[in-house]
């Protein structure tokens, strides 16, 4: 028997018995764990708000002989209510939560991934374009899992980038013309520019404010969506559930609203290039 006190992100919540809930939690100090919250589906339950999906809460947990923990106390830290403002934010936040679920093991602490997820939810809840925030946050999670390739050089030969064309190899990353192999897809220059600037933004700051500072146009976002998705699925071996939901309601390449600012000039048509950095 043990008692745990920790700050958690609620990754998932589903019905259990009459008014209880089964929770999948991502703990700051202990990683992923499952818990039951008594009365958490009651409109007036004392645990209801703190156990909402995508909320950050401080919880007291008890574990007896079962593998399930029981939530005994919960104090809401942040509801992240802004992620429910529209379908884009809700869907993207759910996709990031699913990625954390897929990339972590039960009771295996992953502090870098926890910090990346909390920052992503905070940024998505703000009044900013959610699409670059999601893409940036997804690569942060992959980096925390040790999967992110280096975007400053060819992943085959290690050479620094020269002139395009450049290519993308499945679960491997970007390669240059000299290393291209059958099956490598053409890589939109603006997409590689965006990935490189994203890395530079993280070199100066890793919190919520750095997320989404590198902006682009719809074609670049669509290309980046597909690259990240293919890379993730290659390493997982399947499509995460929230990604399937997103396909059903919005599509993997749903066009986001164009970000504010003047036309870009880096590696793509003027109306679709990388827009800049806010770190």
C-alpha atoms as a PDB file:
ATOM      1  CA  UNK A   1       0.000   0.000   0.000  1.00  0.00           C
ATOM      2  CA  UNK A   2       1.277   3.480  -0.847  1.00  0.00           C
ATOM      3  CA  UNK A   3       0.249   7.115  -0.962  1.00  0.00           C
ATOM      4  CA  UNK A   4       1.343   9.494  -3.706  1.00  0.00           C
ATOM      5  CA  UNK A   5       1.177  13.281  -3.951  1.00  0.00           C
ATOM      6  CA  UNK A   6       2.013  14.695  -7.377  1.00  0.00           C
ATOM      7  CA  UNK A   7       1.041  17.123 -10.129  1.00  0.00           C
ATOM      8  CA  UNK A   8      -0.552  15.377 -13.092  1.00  0.00           C
ATOM      9  CA  UNK A   9      -2.024  15.984 -16.534  1.00  0.00           C
ATOM     10  CA  UNK A  10      -5.313  14.159 -17.140  1.00  0.00           C
ATOM     11  CA  UNK A  11      -4.712  12.375 -20.435  1.00  0.00           C
ATOM     12  CA  UNK A  12      -8.047  10.583 -20.587  1.00  0.00           C
ATOM     13  CA  UNK A  13     -11.272  10.234 -18.605  1.00  0.00           C
ATOM     14  CA  UNK A  14     -14.004   7.655 -19.123  1.00  0.00           C
ATOM     15  CA  UNK A  15     -17.128   6.514 -17.324  1.00  0.00           C
ATOM     16  CA  UNK A  16     -16.844   3.956 -14.539  1.00  0.00           C
ATOM     17  CA  UNK A  17     -19.841   2.718 -12.600  1.00  0.00           C
ATOM     18  CA  UNK A  18     -22.612   5.239 -11.942  1.00  0.00           C
ATOM     19  CA  UNK A  19     -20.784   8.534 -11.289  1.00  0.00           C
ATOM     20  CA  UNK A  20     -17.160   7.483 -11.012  1.00  0.00           C
ATOM     21  CA  UNK A  21     -14.431   7.888 -13.621  1.00  0.00           C
ATOM     22  CA  UNK A  22     -11.388   5.963 -14.759  1.00  0.00           C
ATOM     23  CA  UNK A  23      -8.470   8.312 -15.394  1.00  0.00           C
ATOM     24  CA  UNK A  24      -5.254   7.982 -17.316  1.00  0.00           C
ATOM     25  CA  UNK A  25      -2.839  10.390 -15.659  1.00  0.00           C
ATOM     26  CA  UNK A  26       0.614  11.605 -16.585  1.00  0.00           C
ATOM     27  CA  UNK A  27       2.480  12.344 -13.401  1.00  0.00           C
ATOM     28  CA  UNK A  28       5.361  14.767 -13.113  1.00  0.00           C
ATOM     29  CA  UNK A  29       7.435  12.478 -10.897  1.00  0.00           C
ATOM     30  CA  UNK A  30       6.063   9.002 -11.667  1.00  0.00           C
ATOM     31  CA  UNK A  31       5.073   8.981 -15.315  1.00  0.00           C
ATOM     32  CA  UNK A  32       1.858   7.402 -16.543  1.00  0.00           C
ATOM     33  CA  UNK A  33      -0.612   5.791 -14.156  1.00  0.00           C
ATOM     34  CA  UNK A  34      -4.283   4.800 -14.021  1.00  0.00           C
ATOM     35  CA  UNK A  35      -6.644   5.838 -11.254  1.00  0.00           C
ATOM     36  CA  UNK A  36     -10.293   5.767 -10.265  1.00  0.00           C
ATOM     37  CA  UNK A  37     -11.957   8.987  -9.088  1.00  0.00           C
ATOM     38  CA  UNK A  38     -15.121   8.491  -7.033  1.00  0.00           C
ATOM     39  CA  UNK A  39     -17.958  10.830  -7.984  1.00  0.00           C
ATOM     40  CA  UNK A  40     -15.868  12.556 -10.660  1.00  0.00           C
ATOM     41  CA  UNK A  41     -18.726  12.475 -13.177  1.00  0.00           C
ATOM     42  CA  UNK A  42     -21.202  14.121 -10.811  1.00  0.00           C
ATOM     43  CA  UNK A  43     -21.933  17.774 -11.721  1.00  0.00           C
ATOM     44  CA  UNK A  44     -21.320  18.759  -8.106  1.00  0.00           C
ATOM     45  CA  UNK A  45     -18.579  16.276  -7.324  1.00  0.00           C
ATOM     46  CA  UNK A  46     -15.568  17.692  -5.503  1.00  0.00           C
ATOM     47  CA  UNK A  47     -13.226  15.942  -7.958  1.00  0.00           C
ATOM     48  CA  UNK A  48     -15.088  16.812 -11.162  1.00  0.00           C
ATOM     49  CA  UNK A  49     -13.208  19.917 -12.350  1.00  0.00           C
ATOM     50  CA  UNK A  50      -9.767  18.647 -11.371  1.00  0.00           C
ATOM     51  CA  UNK A  51     -10.269  15.413 -13.324  1.00  0.00           C
ATOM     52  CA  UNK A  52     -11.400  16.960 -16.614  1.00  0.00           C
ATOM     53  CA  UNK A  53      -9.401  15.781 -19.661  1.00  0.00           C
ATOM     54  CA  UNK A  54      -6.311  17.923 -20.374  1.00  0.00           C
ATOM     55  CA  UNK A  55      -6.483  19.617 -16.963  1.00  0.00           C
ATOM     56  CA  UNK A  56      -3.364  19.968 -14.798  1.00  0.00           C
ATOM     57  CA  UNK A  57      -4.086  19.127 -11.164  1.00  0.00           C
ATOM     58  CA  UNK A  58      -2.367  18.429  -7.889  1.00  0.00           C
ATOM     59  CA  UNK A  59      -3.585  15.029  -6.682  1.00  0.00           C
ATOM     60  CA  UNK A  60      -3.356  12.821  -3.630  1.00  0.00           C
ATOM     61  CA  UNK A  61      -3.469   9.172  -4.702  1.00  0.00           C
ATOM     62  CA  UNK A  62      -3.746   5.935  -2.776  1.00  0.00           C
ATOM     63  CA  UNK A  63      -2.824   2.467  -4.028  1.00  0.00           C
ATOM     64  CA  UNK A  64      -3.835  -0.672  -2.206  1.00  0.00           C
ATOM     65  CA  UNK A  65      -3.582  -4.165  -3.605  1.00  0.00           C
ATOM     66  CA  UNK A  66      -5.020  -3.179  -6.975  1.00  0.00           C
ATOM     67  CA  UNK A  67      -2.917  -1.869  -9.840  1.00  0.00           C
ATOM     68  CA  UNK A  68      -5.318   1.087  -9.916  1.00  0.00           C
ATOM     69  CA  UNK A  69      -4.697   4.155  -7.813  1.00  0.00           C
ATOM     70  CA  UNK A  70      -7.587   5.949  -6.123  1.00  0.00           C
ATOM     71  CA  UNK A  71      -7.826   9.741  -6.176  1.00  0.00           C
ATOM     72  CA  UNK A  72      -8.456  10.858  -2.598  1.00  0.00           C
ATOM     73  CA  UNK A  73      -7.924  14.618  -3.062  1.00  0.00           C
ATOM     74  CA  UNK A  74      -7.482  16.833  -6.127  1.00  0.00           C
ATOM     75  CA  UNK A  75      -6.812  20.544  -6.538  1.00  0.00           C
ATOM     76  CA  UNK A  76      -7.116  22.109  -9.975  1.00  0.00           C
ATOM     77  CA  UNK A  77      -3.956  23.907 -11.135  1.00  0.00           C
ATOM     78  CA  UNK A  78      -5.122  24.776 -14.661  1.00  0.00           C
ATOM     79  CA  UNK A  79      -8.215  23.656 -16.535  1.00  0.00           C
ATOM     80  CA  UNK A  80      -6.652  24.717 -19.861  1.00  0.00           C
ATOM     81  CA  UNK A  81     -10.164  25.750 -20.846  1.00  0.00           C
ATOM     82  CA  UNK A  82      -8.938  27.479 -23.990  1.00  0.00           C
ATOM     83  CA  UNK A  83      -8.183  24.139 -25.661  1.00  0.00           C
ATOM     84  CA  UNK A  84     -11.949  23.570 -25.808  1.00  0.00           C
ATOM     85  CA  UNK A  85     -12.537  26.857 -27.643  1.00  0.00           C
ATOM     86  CA  UNK A  86     -12.695  25.207 -31.062  1.00  0.00           C
ATOM     87  CA  UNK A  87     -12.311  21.845 -32.757  1.00  0.00           C
ATOM     88  CA  UNK A  88      -8.773  22.573 -33.964  1.00  0.00           C
ATOM     89  CA  UNK A  89      -7.455  23.177 -30.442  1.00  0.00           C
ATOM     90  CA  UNK A  90      -9.384  20.296 -28.882  1.00  0.00           C
ATOM     91  CA  UNK A  91      -8.319  17.837 -31.553  1.00  0.00           C
ATOM     92  CA  UNK A  92      -4.670  18.877 -31.513  1.00  0.00           C
ATOM     93  CA  UNK A  93      -4.481  18.759 -27.705  1.00  0.00           C
ATOM     94  CA  UNK A  94      -6.027  15.277 -27.700  1.00  0.00           C
ATOM     95  CA  UNK A  95      -3.500  14.149 -30.314  1.00  0.00           C
ATOM     96  CA  UNK A  96      -0.593  15.323 -28.144  1.00  0.00           C
ATOM     97  CA  UNK A  97      -2.069  13.543 -25.119  1.00  0.00           C
ATOM     98  CA  UNK A  98      -2.332  10.369 -27.196  1.00  0.00           C
ATOM     99  CA  UNK A  99       1.298  10.689 -28.299  1.00  0.00           C
ATOM    100  CA  UNK A 100       2.378  10.893 -24.652  1.00  0.00           C
ATOM    101  CA  UNK A 101       0.332   7.776 -23.908  1.00  0.00           C
ATOM    102  CA  UNK A 102       1.938   5.918 -26.805  1.00  0.00           C
ATOM    103  CA  UNK A 103       5.519   6.959 -26.016  1.00  0.00           C
ATOM    104  CA  UNK A 104       5.541   6.318 -22.265  1.00  0.00           C
ATOM    105  CA  UNK A 105       5.306   3.321 -19.943  1.00  0.00           C
ATOM    106  CA  UNK A 106       3.431   2.977 -16.685  1.00  0.00           C
ATOM    107  CA  UNK A 107       5.242   4.383 -13.639  1.00  0.00           C
ATOM    108  CA  UNK A 108       8.281   5.390 -15.686  1.00  0.00           C
ATOM    109  CA  UNK A 109       9.071   9.061 -15.071  1.00  0.00           C
ATOM    110  CA  UNK A 110       9.593  11.213 -18.174  1.00  0.00           C
ATOM    111  CA  UNK A 111      10.091  14.765 -16.857  1.00  0.00           C
ATOM    112  CA  UNK A 112      11.093  16.304 -20.203  1.00  0.00           C
ATOM    113  CA  UNK A 113       7.955  14.920 -21.833  1.00  0.00           C
ATOM    114  CA  UNK A 114       5.807  16.118 -18.942  1.00  0.00           C
ATOM    115  CA  UNK A 115       7.163  19.669 -19.235  1.00  0.00           C
ATOM    116  CA  UNK A 116       6.700  19.606 -23.017  1.00  0.00           C
ATOM    117  CA  UNK A 117       3.061  18.515 -22.688  1.00  0.00           C
ATOM    118  CA  UNK A 118       2.220  21.112 -20.023  1.00  0.00           C
ATOM    119  CA  UNK A 119       3.785  23.868 -22.150  1.00  0.00           C
ATOM    120  CA  UNK A 120       1.867  22.659 -25.223  1.00  0.00           C
ATOM    121  CA  UNK A 121      -1.495  22.719 -23.428  1.00  0.00           C
ATOM    122  CA  UNK A 122      -0.792  26.187 -22.075  1.00  0.00           C
ATOM    123  CA  UNK A 123       0.110  27.460 -25.549  1.00  0.00           C
ATOM    124  CA  UNK A 124      -2.905  25.824 -27.221  1.00  0.00           C
ATOM    125  CA  UNK A 125      -5.194  27.375 -24.602  1.00  0.00           C
ATOM    126  CA  UNK A 126      -3.959  30.860 -25.511  1.00  0.00           C
ATOM    127  CA  UNK A 127      -5.355  33.015 -28.306  1.00  0.00           C
ATOM    128  CA  UNK A 128      -2.714  32.039 -30.872  1.00  0.00           C
ATOM    129  CA  UNK A 129      -2.662  30.015 -34.100  1.00  0.00           C
ATOM    130  CA  UNK A 130      -2.852  26.378 -32.902  1.00  0.00           C
ATOM    131  CA  UNK A 131      -1.362  24.724 -35.968  1.00  0.00           C
ATOM    132  CA  UNK A 132       2.335  25.680 -35.557  1.00  0.00           C
ATOM    133  CA  UNK A 133       1.979  25.157 -31.791  1.00  0.00           C
ATOM    134  CA  UNK A 134       0.836  21.576 -32.349  1.00  0.00           C
ATOM    135  CA  UNK A 135       3.593  20.797 -34.855  1.00  0.00           C
ATOM    136  CA  UNK A 136       6.300  22.290 -32.644  1.00  0.00           C
ATOM    137  CA  UNK A 137       4.965  20.498 -29.550  1.00  0.00           C
ATOM    138  CA  UNK A 138       4.797  17.164 -31.369  1.00  0.00           C
ATOM    139  CA  UNK A 139       8.490  17.358 -32.287  1.00  0.00           C
ATOM    140  CA  UNK A 140       9.294  18.335 -28.688  1.00  0.00           C
ATOM    141  CA  UNK A 141       7.568  15.183 -27.464  1.00  0.00           C
ATOM    142  CA  UNK A 142       9.451  13.087 -30.015  1.00  0.00           C
ATOM    143  CA  UNK A 143      12.695  14.724 -28.896  1.00  0.00           C
ATOM    144  CA  UNK A 144      11.902  13.889 -25.255  1.00  0.00           C
ATOM    145  CA  UNK A 145      11.442  10.268 -26.342  1.00  0.00           C
ATOM    146  CA  UNK A 146      14.804  10.314 -28.142  1.00  0.00           C
ATOM    147  CA  UNK A 147      13.261   9.994 -31.593  1.00  0.00           C
ATOM    148  CA  UNK A 148      13.663  13.419 -33.206  1.00  0.00           C
ATOM    149  CA  UNK A 149      16.196  13.597 -36.070  1.00  0.00           C
ATOM    150  CA  UNK A 150      18.617  16.473 -36.504  1.00  0.00           C
ATOM    151  CA  UNK A 151      17.251  19.024 -38.938  1.00  0.00           C
ATOM    152  CA  UNK A 152      20.504  20.896 -39.617  1.00  0.00           C
ATOM    153  CA  UNK A 153      22.161  18.218 -41.746  1.00  0.00           C
ATOM    154  CA  UNK A 154      21.507  15.142 -43.857  1.00  0.00           C
ATOM    155  CA  UNK A 155      20.574  12.171 -41.678  1.00  0.00           C
ATOM    156  CA  UNK A 156      22.360   9.751 -44.000  1.00  0.00           C
ATOM    157  CA  UNK A 157      25.807  11.287 -44.532  1.00  0.00           C
ATOM    158  CA  UNK A 158      25.827  14.047 -41.899  1.00  0.00           C
ATOM    159  CA  UNK A 159      26.621  16.805 -44.390  1.00  0.00           C
ATOM    160  CA  UNK A 160      25.304  20.289 -43.658  1.00  0.00           C
ATOM    161  CA  UNK A 161      22.532  21.420 -45.974  1.00  0.00           C
ATOM    162  CA  UNK A 162      23.419  22.744 -49.379  1.00  0.00           C
ATOM    163  CA  UNK A 163      20.988  23.758 -52.072  1.00  0.00           C
ATOM    164  CA  UNK A 164      17.674  21.939 -52.625  1.00  0.00           C
ATOM    165  CA  UNK A 165      16.222  19.551 -53.623  1.00  0.00           C
ATOM    166  CA  UNK A 166      15.955  17.778 -50.267  1.00  0.00           C
ATOM    167  CA  UNK A 167      14.078  14.610 -49.418  1.00  0.00           C
ATOM    168  CA  UNK A 168      12.386  12.909 -46.458  1.00  0.00           C
ATOM    169  CA  UNK A 169      12.896   9.270 -45.560  1.00  0.00           C
ATOM    170  CA  UNK A 170      10.046   7.683 -43.560  1.00  0.00           C
ATOM    171  CA  UNK A 171      11.021   7.243 -39.922  1.00  0.00           C
ATOM    172  CA  UNK A 172      14.554   8.468 -40.576  1.00  0.00           C
ATOM    173  CA  UNK A 173      14.328  12.183 -41.378  1.00  0.00           C
ATOM    174  CA  UNK A 174      15.675  14.593 -44.011  1.00  0.00           C
ATOM    175  CA  UNK A 175      18.315  13.564 -46.537  1.00  0.00           C
ATOM    176  CA  UNK A 176      20.065  15.465 -49.304  1.00  0.00           C
ATOM    177  CA  UNK A 177      20.121  14.767 -53.023  1.00  0.00           C
ATOM    178  CA  UNK A 178      23.330  12.730 -52.881  1.00  0.00           C
ATOM    179  CA  UNK A 179      21.842  10.312 -50.345  1.00  0.00           C
ATOM    180  CA  UNK A 180      18.376   9.991 -51.844  1.00  0.00           C
ATOM    181  CA  UNK A 181      17.076   6.414 -52.074  1.00  0.00           C
ATOM    182  CA  UNK A 182      14.026   4.863 -53.698  1.00  0.00           C
ATOM    183  CA  UNK A 183      10.930   5.778 -51.753  1.00  0.00           C
ATOM    184  CA  UNK A 184      12.258   9.045 -50.312  1.00  0.00           C
ATOM    185  CA  UNK A 185       9.693  11.812 -50.763  1.00  0.00           C
ATOM    186  CA  UNK A 186      10.473  15.305 -51.988  1.00  0.00           C
ATOM    187  CA  UNK A 187      10.772  17.725 -49.081  1.00  0.00           C
ATOM    188  CA  UNK A 188       9.295  21.181 -49.537  1.00  0.00           C
ATOM    189  CA  UNK A 189      12.162  23.632 -48.864  1.00  0.00           C
ATOM    190  CA  UNK A 190       9.891  25.746 -46.677  1.00  0.00           C
ATOM    191  CA  UNK A 191       9.206  22.699 -44.495  1.00  0.00           C
ATOM    192  CA  UNK A 192      12.896  22.120 -43.803  1.00  0.00           C
ATOM    193  CA  UNK A 193      13.352  25.836 -43.144  1.00  0.00           C
ATOM    194  CA  UNK A 194      10.529  25.649 -40.612  1.00  0.00           C
ATOM    195  CA  UNK A 195      12.003  22.589 -38.876  1.00  0.00           C
ATOM    196  CA  UNK A 196      15.426  24.213 -38.652  1.00  0.00           C
ATOM    197  CA  UNK A 197      14.007  27.440 -37.223  1.00  0.00           C
ATOM    198  CA  UNK A 198      11.933  25.452 -34.751  1.00  0.00           C
ATOM    199  CA  UNK A 199      15.155  23.896 -33.434  1.00  0.00           C
ATOM    200  CA  UNK A 200      16.722  27.351 -33.166  1.00  0.00           C
ATOM    201  CA  UNK A 201      13.712  28.624 -31.215  1.00  0.00           C
ATOM    202  CA  UNK A 202      14.047  25.757 -28.739  1.00  0.00           C
ATOM    203  CA  UNK A 203      17.713  26.594 -28.272  1.00  0.00           C
ATOM    204  CA  UNK A 204      16.673  29.933 -26.759  1.00  0.00           C
ATOM    205  CA  UNK A 205      13.563  28.879 -24.852  1.00  0.00           C
ATOM    206  CA  UNK A 206      11.574  25.707 -24.176  1.00  0.00           C
ATOM    207  CA  UNK A 207       8.429  27.002 -22.464  1.00  0.00           C
ATOM    208  CA  UNK A 208       4.972  27.732 -23.830  1.00  0.00           C
ATOM    209  CA  UNK A 209       6.009  31.144 -25.196  1.00  0.00           C
ATOM    210  CA  UNK A 210       8.486  29.565 -27.642  1.00  0.00           C
ATOM    211  CA  UNK A 211       5.863  27.238 -29.120  1.00  0.00           C
ATOM    212  CA  UNK A 212       4.329  28.354 -32.392  1.00  0.00           C
ATOM    213  CA  UNK A 213       6.697  31.263 -32.907  1.00  0.00           C
ATOM    214  CA  UNK A 214       7.843  29.915 -36.277  1.00  0.00           C
ATOM    215  CA  UNK A 215       4.950  30.473 -38.664  1.00  0.00           C
ATOM    216  CA  UNK A 216       4.280  29.556 -42.273  1.00  0.00           C
ATOM    217  CA  UNK A 217       1.535  29.260 -44.871  1.00  0.00           C
ATOM    218  CA  UNK A 218      -1.011  26.506 -45.392  1.00  0.00           C
ATOM    219  CA  UNK A 219       1.037  24.402 -47.899  1.00  0.00           C
ATOM    220  CA  UNK A 220       4.021  24.288 -45.533  1.00  0.00           C
ATOM    221  CA  UNK A 221       1.795  23.362 -42.576  1.00  0.00           C
ATOM    222  CA  UNK A 222       0.167  20.600 -44.618  1.00  0.00           C
ATOM    223  CA  UNK A 223       3.576  19.192 -45.599  1.00  0.00           C
ATOM    224  CA  UNK A 224       4.811  19.372 -41.997  1.00  0.00           C
ATOM    225  CA  UNK A 225       1.651  17.640 -40.760  1.00  0.00           C
ATOM    226  CA  UNK A 226       2.233  14.729 -43.091  1.00  0.00           C
ATOM    227  CA  UNK A 227       5.958  14.461 -42.318  1.00  0.00           C
ATOM    228  CA  UNK A 228       5.400  14.385 -38.558  1.00  0.00           C
ATOM    229  CA  UNK A 229       2.511  11.954 -38.881  1.00  0.00           C
ATOM    230  CA  UNK A 230       4.475   9.533 -41.099  1.00  0.00           C
ATOM    231  CA  UNK A 231       7.473   9.716 -38.782  1.00  0.00           C
ATOM    232  CA  UNK A 232       5.362   9.013 -35.700  1.00  0.00           C
ATOM    233  CA  UNK A 233       3.429   6.137 -37.256  1.00  0.00           C
ATOM    234  CA  UNK A 234       6.678   4.573 -38.496  1.00  0.00           C
ATOM    235  CA  UNK A 235       7.988   4.422 -34.931  1.00  0.00           C
ATOM    236  CA  UNK A 236       4.694   3.385 -33.298  1.00  0.00           C
ATOM    237  CA  UNK A 237       3.637   0.910 -35.943  1.00  0.00           C
ATOM    238  CA  UNK A 238       0.038   2.209 -35.872  1.00  0.00           C
ATOM    239  CA  UNK A 239      -2.106   5.326 -36.049  1.00  0.00           C
ATOM    240  CA  UNK A 240      -2.932   6.689 -32.572  1.00  0.00           C
ATOM    241  CA  UNK A 241      -6.642   6.837 -31.735  1.00  0.00           C
ATOM    242  CA  UNK A 242      -6.859  10.636 -31.555  1.00  0.00           C
ATOM    243  CA  UNK A 243      -5.236  10.901 -34.986  1.00  0.00           C
ATOM    244  CA  UNK A 244      -7.953   8.636 -36.415  1.00  0.00           C
ATOM    245  CA  UNK A 245     -10.564  10.873 -34.816  1.00  0.00           C
ATOM    246  CA  UNK A 246      -8.909  13.935 -36.349  1.00  0.00           C
ATOM    247  CA  UNK A 247      -8.999  12.288 -39.775  1.00  0.00           C
ATOM    248  CA  UNK A 248     -12.725  11.724 -39.384  1.00  0.00           C
ATOM    249  CA  UNK A 249     -13.611  15.265 -38.327  1.00  0.00           C
ATOM    250  CA  UNK A 250     -11.027  17.506 -39.958  1.00  0.00           C
ATOM    251  CA  UNK A 251      -8.494  15.634 -42.085  1.00  0.00           C
ATOM    252  CA  UNK A 252      -4.747  15.344 -41.617  1.00  0.00           C
ATOM    253  CA  UNK A 253      -4.041  18.316 -43.888  1.00  0.00           C
ATOM    254  CA  UNK A 254      -6.860  20.613 -42.742  1.00  0.00           C
ATOM    255  CA  UNK A 255      -5.949  24.153 -43.754  1.00  0.00           C
ATOM    256  CA  UNK A 256      -5.358  26.412 -40.730  1.00  0.00           C
ATOM    257  CA  UNK A 257      -6.088  30.135 -40.784  1.00  0.00           C
ATOM    258  CA  UNK A 258      -3.200  32.071 -42.299  1.00  0.00           C
ATOM    259  CA  UNK A 259      -1.014  33.645 -39.609  1.00  0.00           C
ATOM    260  CA  UNK A 260      -0.657  37.420 -39.466  1.00  0.00           C
ATOM    261  CA  UNK A 261       2.372  39.108 -41.021  1.00  0.00           C
ATOM    262  CA  UNK A 262       3.831  39.806 -44.421  1.00  0.00           C
ATOM    263  CA  UNK A 263       4.574  37.237 -47.130  1.00  0.00           C
ATOM    264  CA  UNK A 264       7.463  34.864 -46.547  1.00  0.00           C
ATOM    265  CA  UNK A 265      10.421  34.352 -48.825  1.00  0.00           C
ATOM    266  CA  UNK A 266      12.179  31.241 -47.576  1.00  0.00           C
ATOM    267  CA  UNK A 267      12.153  28.294 -49.916  1.00  0.00           C
ATOM    268  CA  UNK A 268       8.515  28.447 -51.040  1.00  0.00           C
ATOM    269  CA  UNK A 269       6.166  30.721 -52.993  1.00  0.00           C
ATOM    270  CA  UNK A 270       5.911  34.148 -51.365  1.00  0.00           C
ATOM    271  CA  UNK A 271       2.466  33.511 -49.911  1.00  0.00           C
ATOM    272  CA  UNK A 272       3.403  30.157 -48.387  1.00  0.00           C
ATOM    273  CA  UNK A 273       6.905  30.456 -46.938  1.00  0.00           C
ATOM    274  CA  UNK A 274       8.180  30.466 -43.387  1.00  0.00           C
ATOM    275  CA  UNK A 275       7.039  33.663 -41.707  1.00  0.00           C
ATOM    276  CA  UNK A 276       9.392  34.218 -38.801  1.00  0.00           C
ATOM    277  CA  UNK A 277      10.330  33.401 -35.252  1.00  0.00           C
ATOM    278  CA  UNK A 278       8.868  34.510 -31.972  1.00  0.00           C
ATOM    279  CA  UNK A 279      10.944  32.966 -29.183  1.00  0.00           C
END
